[in-house]
Amino acid sequence: METMRIGDLILDPNSGHVQVGTKSAQLTPTETDLLKFLMAGCPRVYSARQLLFQCWPMPPKGGLSILRVYVAKLRRKIEDDPAHPTRLVTIWGFGYRIVAVDPITRGKRKEKL
């Protein structure tokens, strides 16, 4: 699979290497699957249930909690400020999605659904 790009977020799904601007990180296989799925469907919002069934062959015990842990891990690797995410955003009451961040504004404007 070819390199995927959304705004300044670049993922090599084969190696699990992710780059955001000058920051780079190595993702685990599960983090890679989660990010790849979200990026492939950008700008679609995916429910937690959809993400669990897509990224885990057998949904793990404590499914929603496990998903939240992986979302938090991904945010630490791809966000400038993981406590205030601009790329991997929560759409309250719906789920999660990836948002393209303009490298100039670096996500200063909040997107609304």
PDB file of N, CA and C in Angstrom:
ATOM      1  N   MET A   1       0.837  -1.178   0.000  1.00  0.00           N
ATOM      2  CA  MET A   1       0.000   0.000   0.000  1.00  0.00           C
ATOM      3  C   MET A   1       0.881   1.240   0.000  1.00  0.00           C
ATOM      4  N   GLU A   2       0.452   2.239  -0.721  1.00  0.00           N
ATOM      5  CA  GLU A   2       1.225   3.473  -0.845  1.00  0.00           C
ATOM      6  C   GLU A   2       1.101   4.344   0.399  1.00  0.00           C
ATOM      7  N   THR A   3       2.001   5.309   0.509  1.00  0.00           N
ATOM      8  CA  THR A   3       1.977   6.278   1.594  1.00  0.00           C
ATOM      9  C   THR A   3       0.654   7.034   1.567  1.00  0.00           C
ATOM     10  N   MET A   4       0.102   7.286   2.760  1.00  0.00           N
ATOM     11  CA  MET A   4      -1.164   8.006   2.884  1.00  0.00           C
ATOM     12  C   MET A   4      -0.868   9.380   3.476  1.00  0.00           C
ATOM     13  N   ARG A   5      -1.612  10.392   2.994  1.00  0.00           N
ATOM     14  CA  ARG A   5      -1.382  11.761   3.468  1.00  0.00           C
ATOM     15  C   ARG A   5      -2.705  12.474   3.662  1.00  0.00           C
ATOM     16  N   ILE A   6      -2.837  13.117   4.816  1.00  0.00           N
ATOM     17  CA  ILE A   6      -3.974  13.974   5.124  1.00  0.00           C
ATOM     18  C   ILE A   6      -3.378  15.231   5.751  1.00  0.00           C
ATOM     19  N   GLY A   7      -3.443  16.356   5.049  1.00  0.00           N
ATOM     20  CA  GLY A   7      -2.819  17.581   5.552  1.00  0.00           C
ATOM     21  C   GLY A   7      -1.339  17.352   5.749  1.00  0.00           C
ATOM     22  N   ASP A   8      -0.843  17.607   6.965  1.00  0.00           N
ATOM     23  CA  ASP A   8       0.587  17.413   7.236  1.00  0.00           C
ATOM     24  C   ASP A   8       0.877  16.067   7.905  1.00  0.00           C
ATOM     25  N   LEU A   9      -0.116  15.183   7.930  1.00  0.00           N
ATOM     26  CA  LEU A   9       0.021  13.847   8.519  1.00  0.00           C
ATOM     27  C   LEU A   9       0.322  12.843   7.410  1.00  0.00           C
ATOM     28  N   ILE A  10       1.458  12.148   7.522  1.00  0.00           N
ATOM     29  CA  ILE A  10       1.881  11.182   6.506  1.00  0.00           C
ATOM     30  C   ILE A  10       2.092   9.828   7.187  1.00  0.00           C
ATOM     31  N   LEU A  11       1.470   8.784   6.630  1.00  0.00           N
ATOM     32  CA  LEU A  11       1.588   7.436   7.164  1.00  0.00           C
ATOM     33  C   LEU A  11       2.093   6.491   6.090  1.00  0.00           C
ATOM     34  N   ASP A  12       3.119   5.715   6.428  1.00  0.00           N
ATOM     35  CA  ASP A  12       3.540   4.597   5.588  1.00  0.00           C
ATOM     36  C   ASP A  12       2.896   3.360   6.207  1.00  0.00           C
ATOM     37  N   PRO A  13       1.780   2.877   5.633  1.00  0.00           N
ATOM     38  CA  PRO A  13       1.066   1.760   6.247  1.00  0.00           C
ATOM     39  C   PRO A  13       1.848   0.444   6.233  1.00  0.00           C
ATOM     40  N   ASN A  14       2.838   0.334   5.385  1.00  0.00           N
ATOM     41  CA  ASN A  14       3.643  -0.889   5.332  1.00  0.00           C
ATOM     42  C   ASN A  14       4.615  -0.989   6.506  1.00  0.00           C
ATOM     43  N   SER A  15       5.195   0.136   6.887  1.00  0.00           N
ATOM     44  CA  SER A  15       6.191   0.131   7.960  1.00  0.00           C
ATOM     45  C   SER A  15       5.636   0.619   9.294  1.00  0.00           C
ATOM     46  N   GLY A  16       4.502   1.331   9.263  1.00  0.00           N
ATOM     47  CA  GLY A  16       3.953   1.901  10.489  1.00  0.00           C
ATOM     48  C   GLY A  16       4.633   3.192  10.909  1.00  0.00           C
ATOM     49  N   HIS A  17       5.393   3.761   9.991  1.00  0.00           N
ATOM     50  CA  HIS A  17       6.071   5.029  10.283  1.00  0.00           C
ATOM     51  C   HIS A  17       5.114   6.174   9.989  1.00  0.00           C
ATOM     52  N   VAL A  18       5.015   7.120  10.943  1.00  0.00           N
ATOM     53  CA  VAL A  18       4.147   8.277  10.775  1.00  0.00           C
ATOM     54  C   VAL A  18       4.978   9.537  10.951  1.00  0.00           C
ATOM     55  N   GLN A  19       4.651  10.543  10.145  1.00  0.00           N
ATOM     56  CA  GLN A  19       5.349  11.822  10.243  1.00  0.00           C
ATOM     57  C   GLN A  19       4.326  12.943  10.225  1.00  0.00           C
ATOM     58  N   VAL A  20       4.538  13.908  11.128  1.00  0.00           N
ATOM     59  CA  VAL A  20       3.710  15.108  11.205  1.00  0.00           C
ATOM     60  C   VAL A  20       4.674  16.278  11.263  1.00  0.00           C
ATOM     61  N   GLY A  21       4.769  17.014  10.158  1.00  0.00           N
ATOM     62  CA  GLY A  21       5.754  18.085  10.090  1.00  0.00           C
ATOM     63  C   GLY A  21       7.143  17.501  10.257  1.00  0.00           C
ATOM     64  N   THR A  22       7.885  17.976  11.254  1.00  0.00           N
ATOM     65  CA  THR A  22       9.234  17.463  11.507  1.00  0.00           C
ATOM     66  C   THR A  22       9.243  16.354  12.554  1.00  0.00           C
ATOM     67  N   LYS A  23       8.103  16.075  13.151  1.00  0.00           N
ATOM     68  CA  LYS A  23       7.974  15.043  14.187  1.00  0.00           C
ATOM     69  C   LYS A  23       7.658  13.703  13.527  1.00  0.00           C
ATOM     70  N   SER A  24       8.353  12.637  13.955  1.00  0.00           N
ATOM     71  CA  SER A  24       8.062  11.321  13.405  1.00  0.00           C
ATOM     72  C   SER A  24       8.000  10.300  14.539  1.00  0.00           C
ATOM     73  N   ALA A  25       7.295   9.196  14.272  1.00  0.00           N
ATOM     74  CA  ALA A  25       7.137   8.146  15.279  1.00  0.00           C
ATOM     75  C   ALA A  25       6.897   6.815  14.587  1.00  0.00           C
ATOM     76  N   GLN A  26       7.151   5.766  15.323  1.00  0.00           N
ATOM     77  CA  GLN A  26       6.871   4.409  14.861  1.00  0.00           C
ATOM     78  C   GLN A  26       5.608   3.924  15.565  1.00  0.00           C
ATOM     79  N   LEU A  27       4.635   3.467  14.790  1.00  0.00           N
ATOM     80  CA  LEU A  27       3.382   2.977  15.348  1.00  0.00           C
ATOM     81  C   LEU A  27       3.423   1.470  15.535  1.00  0.00           C
ATOM     82  N   THR A  28       2.651   0.991  16.486  1.00  0.00           N
ATOM     83  CA  THR A  28       2.465  -0.448  16.647  1.00  0.00           C
ATOM     84  C   THR A  28       1.548  -0.918  15.517  1.00  0.00           C
ATOM     85  N   PRO A  29       1.466  -2.222  15.271  1.00  0.00           N
ATOM     86  CA  PRO A  29       0.553  -2.706  14.221  1.00  0.00           C
ATOM     87  C   PRO A  29      -0.905  -2.291  14.448  1.00  0.00           C
ATOM     88  N   THR A  30      -1.374  -2.318  15.682  1.00  0.00           N
ATOM     89  CA  THR A  30      -2.764  -1.920  15.948  1.00  0.00           C
ATOM     90  C   THR A  30      -2.952  -0.428  15.732  1.00  0.00           C
ATOM     91  N   GLU A  31      -2.004   0.381  16.181  1.00  0.00           N
ATOM     92  CA  GLU A  31      -2.081   1.822  15.939  1.00  0.00           C
ATOM     93  C   GLU A  31      -2.075   2.107  14.440  1.00  0.00           C
ATOM     94  N   THR A  32      -1.240   1.378  13.703  1.00  0.00           N
ATOM     95  CA  THR A  32      -1.176   1.555  12.245  1.00  0.00           C
ATOM     96  C   THR A  32      -2.515   1.214  11.612  1.00  0.00           C
ATOM     97  N   ASP A  33      -3.111   0.080  11.994  1.00  0.00           N
ATOM     98  CA  ASP A  33      -4.408  -0.309  11.430  1.00  0.00           C
ATOM     99  C   ASP A  33      -5.476   0.733  11.720  1.00  0.00           C
ATOM    100  N   LEU A  34      -5.495   1.243  12.931  1.00  0.00           N
ATOM    101  CA  LEU A  34      -6.485   2.243  13.323  1.00  0.00           C
ATOM    102  C   LEU A  34      -6.316   3.524  12.528  1.00  0.00           C
ATOM    103  N   LEU A  35      -5.091   4.024  12.448  1.00  0.00           N
ATOM    104  CA  LEU A  35      -4.838   5.257  11.714  1.00  0.00           C
ATOM    105  C   LEU A  35      -5.088   5.075  10.218  1.00  0.00           C
ATOM    106  N   LYS A  36      -4.670   3.953   9.678  1.00  0.00           N
ATOM    107  CA  LYS A  36      -4.885   3.664   8.249  1.00  0.00           C
ATOM    108  C   LYS A  36      -6.379   3.655   7.925  1.00  0.00           C
ATOM    109  N   PHE A  37      -7.174   3.011   8.753  1.00  0.00           N
ATOM    110  CA  PHE A  37      -8.621   2.946   8.525  1.00  0.00           C
ATOM    111  C   PHE A  37      -9.245   4.337   8.584  1.00  0.00           C
ATOM    112  N   LEU A  38      -8.866   5.125   9.579  1.00  0.00           N
ATOM    113  CA  LEU A  38      -9.414   6.481   9.695  1.00  0.00           C
ATOM    114  C   LEU A  38      -8.994   7.359   8.513  1.00  0.00           C
ATOM    115  N   MET A  39      -7.733   7.244   8.104  1.00  0.00           N
ATOM    116  CA  MET A  39      -7.244   8.067   6.994  1.00  0.00           C
ATOM    117  C   MET A  39      -7.897   7.670   5.673  1.00  0.00           C
ATOM    118  N   ALA A  40      -8.108   6.367   5.472  1.00  0.00           N
ATOM    119  CA  ALA A  40      -8.714   5.903   4.220  1.00  0.00           C
ATOM    120  C   ALA A  40     -10.136   6.416   4.067  1.00  0.00           C
ATOM    121  N   GLY A  41     -10.828   6.626   5.179  1.00  0.00           N
ATOM    122  CA  GLY A  41     -12.213   7.085   5.119  1.00  0.00           C
ATOM    123  C   GLY A  41     -12.392   8.561   5.368  1.00  0.00           C
ATOM    124  N   CYS A  42     -11.300   9.315   5.467  1.00  0.00           N
ATOM    125  CA  CYS A  42     -11.368  10.745   5.749  1.00  0.00           C
ATOM    126  C   CYS A  42     -12.278  11.442   4.743  1.00  0.00           C
ATOM    127  N   PRO A  43     -13.199  12.270   5.154  1.00  0.00           N
ATOM    128  CA  PRO A  43     -13.458  12.851   6.472  1.00  0.00           C
ATOM    129  C   PRO A  43     -14.592  12.160   7.235  1.00  0.00           C
ATOM    130  N   ARG A  44     -14.905  10.934   6.891  1.00  0.00           N
ATOM    131  CA  ARG A  44     -16.008  10.220   7.522  1.00  0.00           C
ATOM    132  C   ARG A  44     -15.785  10.042   9.034  1.00  0.00           C
ATOM    133  N   VAL A  45     -16.873  10.087   9.777  1.00  0.00           N
ATOM    134  CA  VAL A  45     -16.853   9.822  11.209  1.00  0.00           C
ATOM    135  C   VAL A  45     -17.166   8.343  11.402  1.00  0.00           C
ATOM    136  N   TYR A  46     -16.339   7.665  12.201  1.00  0.00           N
ATOM    137  CA  TYR A  46     -16.546   6.252  12.493  1.00  0.00           C
ATOM    138  C   TYR A  46     -16.928   6.082  13.957  1.00  0.00           C
ATOM    139  N   SER A  47     -17.919   5.235  14.200  1.00  0.00           N
ATOM    140  CA  SER A  47     -18.316   4.951  15.576  1.00  0.00           C
ATOM    141  C   SER A  47     -17.250   4.076  16.232  1.00  0.00           C
ATOM    142  N   ALA A  48     -17.258   4.073  17.551  1.00  0.00           N
ATOM    143  CA  ALA A  48     -16.328   3.217  18.294  1.00  0.00           C
ATOM    144  C   ALA A  48     -16.538   1.759  17.906  1.00  0.00           C
ATOM    145  N   ARG A  49     -17.766   1.362  17.736  1.00  0.00           N
ATOM    146  CA  ARG A  49     -18.079  -0.026  17.350  1.00  0.00           C
ATOM    147  C   ARG A  49     -17.469  -0.369  15.988  1.00  0.00           C
ATOM    148  N   GLN A  50     -17.595   0.530  15.013  1.00  0.00           N
ATOM    149  CA  GLN A  50     -17.010   0.292  13.695  1.00  0.00           C
ATOM    150  C   GLN A  50     -15.495   0.139  13.796  1.00  0.00           C
ATOM    151  N   LEU A  51     -14.860   0.981  14.587  1.00  0.00           N
ATOM    152  CA  LEU A  51     -13.407   0.926  14.728  1.00  0.00           C
ATOM    153  C   LEU A  51     -12.966  -0.356  15.425  1.00  0.00           C
ATOM    154  N   LEU A  52     -13.704  -0.768  16.438  1.00  0.00           N
ATOM    155  CA  LEU A  52     -13.367  -2.016  17.133  1.00  0.00           C
ATOM    156  C   LEU A  52     -13.435  -3.212  16.191  1.00  0.00           C
ATOM    157  N   PHE A  53     -14.494  -3.287  15.394  1.00  0.00           N
ATOM    158  CA  PHE A  53     -14.643  -4.432  14.502  1.00  0.00           C
ATOM    159  C   PHE A  53     -13.678  -4.380  13.322  1.00  0.00           C
ATOM    160  N   GLN A  54     -13.253  -3.195  12.939  1.00  0.00           N
ATOM    161  CA  GLN A  54     -12.339  -3.066  11.810  1.00  0.00           C
ATOM    162  C   GLN A  54     -10.891  -3.350  12.214  1.00  0.00           C
ATOM    163  N   CYS A  55     -10.490  -2.930  13.398  1.00  0.00           N
ATOM    164  CA  CYS A  55      -9.079  -2.972  13.783  1.00  0.00           C
ATOM    165  C   CYS A  55      -8.693  -4.147  14.669  1.00  0.00           C
ATOM    166  N   TRP A  56      -9.658  -4.886  15.162  1.00  0.00           N
ATOM    167  CA  TRP A  56      -9.377  -6.063  15.969  1.00  0.00           C
ATOM    168  C   TRP A  56     -10.130  -7.245  15.370  1.00  0.00           C
ATOM    169  N   PRO A  57      -9.451  -8.355  15.065  1.00  0.00           N
ATOM    170  CA  PRO A  57     -10.137  -9.521  14.504  1.00  0.00           C
ATOM    171  C   PRO A  57     -11.242 -10.022  15.431  1.00  0.00           C
ATOM    172  N   MET A  58     -10.956 -10.033  16.715  1.00  0.00           N
ATOM    173  CA  MET A  58     -11.951 -10.368  17.741  1.00  0.00           C
ATOM    174  C   MET A  58     -11.982  -9.171  18.682  1.00  0.00           C
ATOM    175  N   PRO A  59     -13.091  -8.456  18.760  1.00  0.00           N
ATOM    176  CA  PRO A  59     -13.111  -7.288  19.644  1.00  0.00           C
ATOM    177  C   PRO A  59     -12.648  -7.672  21.053  1.00  0.00           C
ATOM    178  N   PRO A  60     -11.705  -6.913  21.611  1.00  0.00           N
ATOM    179  CA  PRO A  60     -11.133  -7.255  22.907  1.00  0.00           C
ATOM    180  C   PRO A  60     -12.121  -7.024  24.051  1.00  0.00           C
ATOM    181  N   LYS A  61     -11.896  -7.736  25.170  1.00  0.00           N
ATOM    182  CA  LYS A  61     -12.686  -7.468  26.371  1.00  0.00           C
ATOM    183  C   LYS A  61     -12.425  -6.027  26.771  1.00  0.00           C
ATOM    184  N   GLY A  62     -13.441  -5.360  27.253  1.00  0.00           N
ATOM    185  CA  GLY A  62     -13.281  -3.949  27.606  1.00  0.00           C
ATOM    186  C   GLY A  62     -13.149  -3.098  26.363  1.00  0.00           C
ATOM    187  N   GLY A  63     -13.823  -3.490  25.281  1.00  0.00           N
ATOM    188  CA  GLY A  63     -13.684  -2.885  23.963  1.00  0.00           C
ATOM    189  C   GLY A  63     -13.558  -1.378  23.912  1.00  0.00           C
ATOM    190  N   LEU A  64     -14.515  -0.643  24.457  1.00  0.00           N
ATOM    191  CA  LEU A  64     -14.466   0.819  24.369  1.00  0.00           C
ATOM    192  C   LEU A  64     -13.277   1.382  25.133  1.00  0.00           C
ATOM    193  N   SER A  65     -12.959   0.777  26.266  1.00  0.00           N
ATOM    194  CA  SER A  65     -11.803   1.244  27.039  1.00  0.00           C
ATOM    195  C   SER A  65     -10.508   1.011  26.266  1.00  0.00           C
ATOM    196  N   ILE A  66     -10.397  -0.138  25.627  1.00  0.00           N
ATOM    197  CA  ILE A  66      -9.203  -0.450  24.829  1.00  0.00           C
ATOM    198  C   ILE A  66      -9.084   0.540  23.669  1.00  0.00           C
ATOM    199  N   LEU A  67     -10.199   0.819  23.003  1.00  0.00           N
ATOM    200  CA  LEU A  67     -10.172   1.777  21.899  1.00  0.00           C
ATOM    201  C   LEU A  67      -9.718   3.144  22.391  1.00  0.00           C
ATOM    202  N   ARG A  68     -10.221   3.592  23.519  1.00  0.00           N
ATOM    203  CA  ARG A  68      -9.816   4.897  24.068  1.00  0.00           C
ATOM    204  C   ARG A  68      -8.308   4.923  24.365  1.00  0.00           C
ATOM    205  N   VAL A  69      -7.778   3.810  24.846  1.00  0.00           N
ATOM    206  CA  VAL A  69      -6.338   3.730  25.117  1.00  0.00           C
ATOM    207  C   VAL A  69      -5.554   3.907  23.817  1.00  0.00           C
ATOM    208  N   TYR A  70      -5.971   3.227  22.751  1.00  0.00           N
ATOM    209  CA  TYR A  70      -5.263   3.338  21.471  1.00  0.00           C
ATOM    210  C   TYR A  70      -5.425   4.714  20.838  1.00  0.00           C
ATOM    211  N   VAL A  71      -6.575   5.321  20.997  1.00  0.00           N
ATOM    212  CA  VAL A  71      -6.766   6.682  20.498  1.00  0.00           C
ATOM    213  C   VAL A  71      -5.819   7.624  21.243  1.00  0.00           C
ATOM    214  N   ALA A  72      -5.720   7.468  22.546  1.00  0.00           N
ATOM    215  CA  ALA A  72      -4.810   8.309  23.337  1.00  0.00           C
ATOM    216  C   ALA A  72      -3.350   8.086  22.924  1.00  0.00           C
ATOM    217  N   LYS A  73      -2.967   6.819  22.692  1.00  0.00           N
ATOM    218  CA  LYS A  73      -1.600   6.517  22.255  1.00  0.00           C
ATOM    219  C   LYS A  73      -1.304   7.160  20.903  1.00  0.00           C
ATOM    220  N   LEU A  74      -2.266   7.069  19.986  1.00  0.00           N
ATOM    221  CA  LEU A  74      -2.085   7.688  18.668  1.00  0.00           C
ATOM    222  C   LEU A  74      -1.967   9.201  18.792  1.00  0.00           C
ATOM    223  N   ARG A  75      -2.817   9.787  19.608  1.00  0.00           N
ATOM    224  CA  ARG A  75      -2.766  11.247  19.779  1.00  0.00           C
ATOM    225  C   ARG A  75      -1.418  11.699  20.312  1.00  0.00           C
ATOM    226  N   ARG A  76      -0.813  10.933  21.218  1.00  0.00           N
ATOM    227  CA  ARG A  76       0.515  11.309  21.726  1.00  0.00           C
ATOM    228  C   ARG A  76       1.549  11.311  20.612  1.00  0.00           C
ATOM    229  N   LYS A  77       1.327  10.528  19.578  1.00  0.00           N
ATOM    230  CA  LYS A  77       2.297  10.425  18.486  1.00  0.00           C
ATOM    231  C   LYS A  77       2.024  11.383  17.329  1.00  0.00           C
ATOM    232  N   ILE A  78       0.766  11.811  17.150  1.00  0.00           N
ATOM    233  CA  ILE A  78       0.464  12.625  15.971  1.00  0.00           C
ATOM    234  C   ILE A  78      -0.021  14.046  16.276  1.00  0.00           C
ATOM    235  N   GLU A  79      -0.321  14.338  17.521  1.00  0.00           N
ATOM    236  CA  GLU A  79      -0.855  15.657  17.864  1.00  0.00           C
ATOM    237  C   GLU A  79       0.229  16.562  18.432  1.00  0.00           C
ATOM    238  N   ASP A  80       0.101  17.858  18.174  1.00  0.00           N
ATOM    239  CA  ASP A  80       0.992  18.838  18.793  1.00  0.00           C
ATOM    240  C   ASP A  80       0.690  18.919  20.292  1.00  0.00           C
ATOM    241  N   ASP A  81      -0.597  18.881  20.635  1.00  0.00           N
ATOM    242  CA  ASP A  81      -1.047  18.903  22.021  1.00  0.00           C
ATOM    243  C   ASP A  81      -2.112  17.826  22.174  1.00  0.00           C
ATOM    244  N   PRO A  82      -1.724  16.611  22.624  1.00  0.00           N
ATOM    245  CA  PRO A  82      -2.686  15.506  22.707  1.00  0.00           C
ATOM    246  C   PRO A  82      -3.917  15.800  23.571  1.00  0.00           C
ATOM    247  N   ALA A  83      -3.802  16.712  24.519  1.00  0.00           N
ATOM    248  CA  ALA A  83      -4.948  17.061  25.365  1.00  0.00           C
ATOM    249  C   ALA A  83      -5.982  17.892  24.603  1.00  0.00           C
ATOM    250  N   HIS A  84      -5.556  18.507  23.512  1.00  0.00           N
ATOM    251  CA  HIS A  84      -6.440  19.315  22.672  1.00  0.00           C
ATOM    252  C   HIS A  84      -6.225  18.911  21.211  1.00  0.00           C
ATOM    253  N   PRO A  85      -6.706  17.722  20.845  1.00  0.00           N
ATOM    254  CA  PRO A  85      -6.417  17.184  19.506  1.00  0.00           C
ATOM    255  C   PRO A  85      -7.057  17.990  18.377  1.00  0.00           C
ATOM    256  N   THR A  86      -6.321  18.102  17.288  1.00  0.00           N
ATOM    257  CA  THR A  86      -6.825  18.777  16.085  1.00  0.00           C
ATOM    258  C   THR A  86      -6.827  17.845  14.876  1.00  0.00           C
ATOM    259  N   ARG A  87      -6.149  16.708  14.957  1.00  0.00           N
ATOM    260  CA  ARG A  87      -6.083  15.765  13.834  1.00  0.00           C
ATOM    261  C   ARG A  87      -7.001  14.559  14.050  1.00  0.00           C
ATOM    262  N   LEU A  88      -6.861  13.893  15.170  1.00  0.00           N
ATOM    263  CA  LEU A  88      -7.702  12.740  15.519  1.00  0.00           C
ATOM    264  C   LEU A  88      -8.718  13.256  16.533  1.00  0.00           C
ATOM    265  N   VAL A  89      -9.865  13.660  16.009  1.00  0.00           N
ATOM    266  CA  VAL A  89     -10.841  14.349  16.843  1.00  0.00           C
ATOM    267  C   VAL A  89     -12.008  13.443  17.230  1.00  0.00           C
ATOM    268  N   THR A  90     -12.535  13.729  18.400  1.00  0.00           N
ATOM    269  CA  THR A  90     -13.732  13.052  18.883  1.00  0.00           C
ATOM    270  C   THR A  90     -14.932  13.872  18.452  1.00  0.00           C
ATOM    271  N   ILE A  91     -15.877  13.215  17.832  1.00  0.00           N
ATOM    272  CA  ILE A  91     -17.145  13.851  17.498  1.00  0.00           C
ATOM    273  C   ILE A  91     -18.125  13.295  18.529  1.00  0.00           C
ATOM    274  N   TRP A  92     -18.372  14.060  19.590  1.00  0.00           N
ATOM    275  CA  TRP A  92     -19.157  13.585  20.717  1.00  0.00           C
ATOM    276  C   TRP A  92     -20.514  13.065  20.275  1.00  0.00           C
ATOM    277  N   GLY A  93     -20.830  11.882  20.746  1.00  0.00           N
ATOM    278  CA  GLY A  93     -22.098  11.240  20.416  1.00  0.00           C
ATOM    279  C   GLY A  93     -22.065  10.465  19.114  1.00  0.00           C
ATOM    280  N   PHE A  94     -20.942  10.570  18.356  1.00  0.00           N
ATOM    281  CA  PHE A  94     -20.821   9.874  17.077  1.00  0.00           C
ATOM    282  C   PHE A  94     -19.619   8.940  17.042  1.00  0.00           C
ATOM    283  N   GLY A  95     -18.420   9.466  17.265  1.00  0.00           N
ATOM    284  CA  GLY A  95     -17.223   8.640  17.172  1.00  0.00           C
ATOM    285  C   GLY A  95     -15.981   9.471  16.948  1.00  0.00           C
ATOM    286  N   TYR A  96     -15.136   9.005  16.023  1.00  0.00           N
ATOM    287  CA  TYR A  96     -13.842   9.641  15.758  1.00  0.00           C
ATOM    288  C   TYR A  96     -13.653   9.856  14.266  1.00  0.00           C
ATOM    289  N   ARG A  97     -12.813  10.825  13.955  1.00  0.00           N
ATOM    290  CA  ARG A  97     -12.400  11.014  12.576  1.00  0.00           C
ATOM    291  C   ARG A  97     -11.064  11.738  12.514  1.00  0.00           C
ATOM    292  N   ILE A  98     -10.444  11.626  11.353  1.00  0.00           N
ATOM    293  CA  ILE A  98      -9.199  12.334  11.067  1.00  0.00           C
ATOM    294  C   ILE A  98      -9.558  13.622  10.335  1.00  0.00           C
ATOM    295  N   VAL A  99      -8.901  14.698  10.724  1.00  0.00           N
ATOM    296  CA  VAL A  99      -9.129  16.002  10.119  1.00  0.00           C
ATOM    297  C   VAL A  99      -7.804  16.492   9.543  1.00  0.00           C
ATOM    298  N   ALA A 100      -7.843  17.021   8.332  1.00  0.00           N
ATOM    299  CA  ALA A 100      -6.635  17.596   7.734  1.00  0.00           C
ATOM    300  C   ALA A 100      -6.314  18.905   8.445  1.00  0.00           C
ATOM    301  N   VAL A 101      -5.077  19.026   8.901  1.00  0.00           N
ATOM    302  CA  VAL A 101      -4.632  20.240   9.576  1.00  0.00           C
ATOM    303  C   VAL A 101      -3.709  20.987   8.631  1.00  0.00           C
ATOM    304  N   ASP A 102      -4.016  22.251   8.439  1.00  0.00           N
ATOM    305  CA  ASP A 102      -3.174  23.114   7.612  1.00  0.00           C
ATOM    306  C   ASP A 102      -1.879  23.383   8.372  1.00  0.00           C
ATOM    307  N   PRO A 103      -0.717  23.057   7.768  1.00  0.00           N
ATOM    308  CA  PRO A 103       0.546  23.264   8.475  1.00  0.00           C
ATOM    309  C   PRO A 103       0.802  24.720   8.847  1.00  0.00           C
ATOM    310  N   ILE A 104       0.169  25.654   8.156  1.00  0.00           N
ATOM    311  CA  ILE A 104       0.368  27.078   8.463  1.00  0.00           C
ATOM    312  C   ILE A 104      -0.372  27.449   9.753  1.00  0.00           C
ATOM    313  N   THR A 105      -1.655  27.104   9.836  1.00  0.00           N
ATOM    314  CA  THR A 105      -2.453  27.470  11.017  1.00  0.00           C
ATOM    315  C   THR A 105      -2.302  26.452  12.136  1.00  0.00           C
ATOM    316  N   ARG A 106      -1.831  25.235  11.821  1.00  0.00           N
ATOM    317  CA  ARG A 106      -1.605  24.155  12.787  1.00  0.00           C
ATOM    318  C   ARG A 106      -2.856  23.873  13.614  1.00  0.00           C
ATOM    319  N   GLY A 107      -4.023  23.912  12.949  1.00  0.00           N
ATOM    320  CA  GLY A 107      -5.255  23.504  13.612  1.00  0.00           C
ATOM    321  C   GLY A 107      -5.825  24.502  14.584  1.00  0.00           C
ATOM    322  N   LYS A 108      -5.502  25.780  14.430  1.00  0.00           N
ATOM    323  CA  LYS A 108      -6.002  26.792  15.358  1.00  0.00           C
ATOM    324  C   LYS A 108      -7.522  26.963  15.257  1.00  0.00           C
ATOM    325  N   ARG A 109      -8.064  26.762  14.068  1.00  0.00           N
ATOM    326  CA  ARG A 109      -9.515  26.854  13.891  1.00  0.00           C
ATOM    327  C   ARG A 109     -10.122  25.500  14.181  1.00  0.00           C
ATOM    328  N   LYS A 110     -11.126  25.455  15.032  1.00  0.00           N
ATOM    329  CA  LYS A 110     -11.805  24.207  15.370  1.00  0.00           C
ATOM    330  C   LYS A 110     -12.854  23.907  14.313  1.00  0.00           C
ATOM    331  N   GLU A 111     -12.882  22.685  13.866  1.00  0.00           N
ATOM    332  CA  GLU A 111     -13.864  22.243  12.872  1.00  0.00           C
ATOM    333  C   GLU A 111     -15.118  21.788  13.589  1.00  0.00           C
ATOM    334  N   LYS A 112     -16.267  22.086  13.017  1.00  0.00           N
ATOM    335  CA  LYS A 112     -17.539  21.649  13.571  1.00  0.00           C
ATOM    336  C   LYS A 112     -18.179  20.681  12.615  1.00  0.00           C
ATOM    337  N   LEU A 113     -18.925  19.752  13.169  1.00  0.00           N
ATOM    338  CA  LEU A 113     -19.627  18.748  12.358  1.00  0.00           C
ATOM    339  C   LEU A 113     -20.863  19.346  11.766  1.00  0.00           C
TER     340      LEU A 113
END
